[in-house]
Amino acid sequence: MGRSRAQDVNVCGVTAAIAVIDGKWKTALLWLLESGPQRPGELRRRLPGLSEKVLTQALREMETDGLVHREVHDVLPLKTEYSLTAFGRELSEALAPLADWGHRRLERLAGSLPAS
């Protein structure tokens, strides 16, 4: 799904919302940022497999979409922190029922697997 779909006013609202969180890492980043401001290095440590390039790209897109706030502290070395905006917290809250459904689905799948 293209980034342009997130701004198309003639598209379904669910499609527009999914366009904003589309990708492998954005929902995980939202989840981690719910607990408070995080530095990029901490986010990378908590998400093994996430490269610095992809993290930077995802955070920039999330900042452009108004989900995260980037704050650079004027100290040496520079210290950058990301936090959820009110709009980002609103999205995170809207995703909570979907996350609950996903957990129920995983439990259901685990129950249908043969016992080891």
Protein backbone atom coordinates (compact mmCIF):
# COMPACT_ATOMS: atom_id res chain seq x y z
CA MET A 1 0.00 0.00 0.00
CA GLY A 2 1.49 3.33 -1.00
CA ARG A 3 2.05 6.30 1.27
CA SER A 4 -0.24 8.34 -0.99
CA ARG A 5 -3.19 6.17 0.13
CA ALA A 6 -2.77 7.63 3.62
CA GLN A 7 -3.69 11.07 2.25
CA ASP A 8 -6.40 10.15 -0.26
CA VAL A 9 -9.69 11.55 1.06
CA ASN A 10 -11.66 9.21 -1.22
CA VAL A 11 -10.40 6.02 0.40
CA CYS A 12 -11.92 3.90 3.17
CA GLY A 13 -10.96 5.14 6.65
CA VAL A 14 -9.54 1.75 7.61
CA THR A 15 -7.34 1.80 4.49
CA ALA A 16 -6.12 5.29 5.39
CA ALA A 17 -5.30 4.15 8.94
CA ILE A 18 -3.49 1.03 7.78
CA ALA A 19 -1.45 3.09 5.32
CA VAL A 20 -0.05 5.03 8.29
CA ILE A 21 1.02 1.89 10.20
CA ASP A 22 1.95 -0.17 7.14
CA GLY A 23 5.29 -1.91 7.37
CA LYS A 24 7.03 -4.41 9.55
CA TRP A 25 8.13 -2.10 12.38
CA LYS A 26 5.67 0.76 12.89
CA THR A 27 3.21 -1.04 15.16
CA ALA A 28 6.10 -2.35 17.28
CA LEU A 29 7.52 1.18 17.50
CA LEU A 30 4.12 2.53 18.58
CA TRP A 31 3.94 -0.18 21.23
CA LEU A 32 7.42 0.62 22.58
CA LEU A 33 6.80 4.37 22.59
CA GLU A 34 3.62 3.90 24.66
CA SER A 35 5.87 3.48 27.71
CA GLY A 36 7.48 6.89 27.22
CA PRO A 37 10.22 8.67 25.28
CA GLN A 38 12.90 6.44 23.80
CA ARG A 39 16.27 7.06 22.20
CA PRO A 40 16.86 5.48 18.78
CA GLY A 41 19.57 3.16 20.13
CA GLU A 42 17.20 1.81 22.77
CA LEU A 43 14.51 1.18 20.15
CA ARG A 44 17.01 -0.77 18.02
CA ARG A 45 18.14 -2.86 21.00
CA ARG A 46 14.55 -3.74 21.83
CA LEU A 47 13.74 -4.71 18.22
CA PRO A 48 16.42 -7.15 17.03
CA GLY A 49 16.66 -7.21 13.25
CA LEU A 50 15.72 -3.55 12.84
CA SER A 51 18.48 -1.70 11.00
CA GLU A 52 19.40 1.90 11.73
CA LYS A 53 18.37 2.91 8.20
CA VAL A 54 14.92 1.32 8.45
CA LEU A 55 14.41 2.71 11.97
CA THR A 56 15.25 6.22 10.78
CA GLN A 57 12.92 5.89 7.79
CA ALA A 58 10.02 4.55 9.89
CA LEU A 59 10.43 7.25 12.55
CA ARG A 60 10.60 10.00 9.91
CA GLU A 61 7.40 8.72 8.29
CA MET A 62 5.72 8.48 11.67
CA GLU A 63 6.84 12.04 12.46
CA THR A 64 5.49 13.26 9.11
CA ASP A 65 2.18 11.54 9.88
CA GLY A 66 2.02 13.29 13.25
CA LEU A 67 2.38 10.13 15.34
CA VAL A 68 5.73 10.81 16.98
CA HIS A 69 7.62 13.84 18.20
CA ARG A 70 11.37 14.07 17.73
CA GLU A 71 13.28 16.09 20.30
CA VAL A 72 16.97 16.84 19.98
CA HIS A 73 18.62 17.90 23.24
CA ASP A 74 21.44 20.43 22.86
CA VAL A 75 24.15 18.44 24.62
CA LEU A 76 27.30 16.78 23.34
CA PRO A 77 26.99 14.23 22.01
CA LEU A 78 23.56 15.13 20.66
CA LYS A 79 20.76 13.26 22.38
CA THR A 80 17.63 12.51 20.36
CA GLU A 81 14.43 11.14 21.85
CA TYR A 82 11.18 10.08 20.23
CA SER A 83 7.81 10.12 21.95
CA LEU A 84 4.21 9.64 20.93
CA THR A 85 2.17 12.71 20.15
CA ALA A 86 -1.44 12.95 21.31
CA PHE A 87 -2.42 11.81 17.80
CA GLY A 88 -0.05 8.83 18.10
CA ARG A 89 -1.51 7.90 21.51
CA GLU A 90 -4.98 8.12 19.98
CA LEU A 91 -3.95 5.68 17.24
CA SER A 92 -2.37 3.36 19.79
CA GLU A 93 -5.60 3.34 21.81
CA ALA A 94 -7.61 2.67 18.65
CA LEU A 95 -5.38 -0.33 17.90
CA ALA A 96 -5.80 -1.84 21.39
CA PRO A 97 -8.98 -3.81 20.50
CA LEU A 98 -7.28 -5.12 17.37
CA ALA A 99 -4.30 -6.22 19.50
CA ASP A 100 -6.70 -8.01 21.88
CA TRP A 101 -8.28 -9.78 18.92
CA GLY A 102 -4.83 -10.78 17.68
CA HIS A 103 -3.92 -12.29 21.06
CA ARG A 104 -7.20 -14.25 21.11
CA ARG A 105 -6.43 -15.51 17.61
CA LEU A 106 -2.97 -16.67 18.68
CA GLU A 107 -4.43 -18.45 21.71
CA ARG A 108 -7.01 -20.10 19.46
CA LEU A 109 -4.29 -21.24 17.06
CA ALA A 110 -2.19 -22.57 19.93
CA GLY A 111 -5.20 -24.52 21.20
CA SER A 112 -5.79 -26.11 17.82
CA LEU A 113 -2.22 -27.32 17.46
CA PRO A 114 -1.51 -30.94 18.41
CA ALA A 115 -0.03 -31.39 21.89
CA SER A 116 3.73 -31.91 21.94
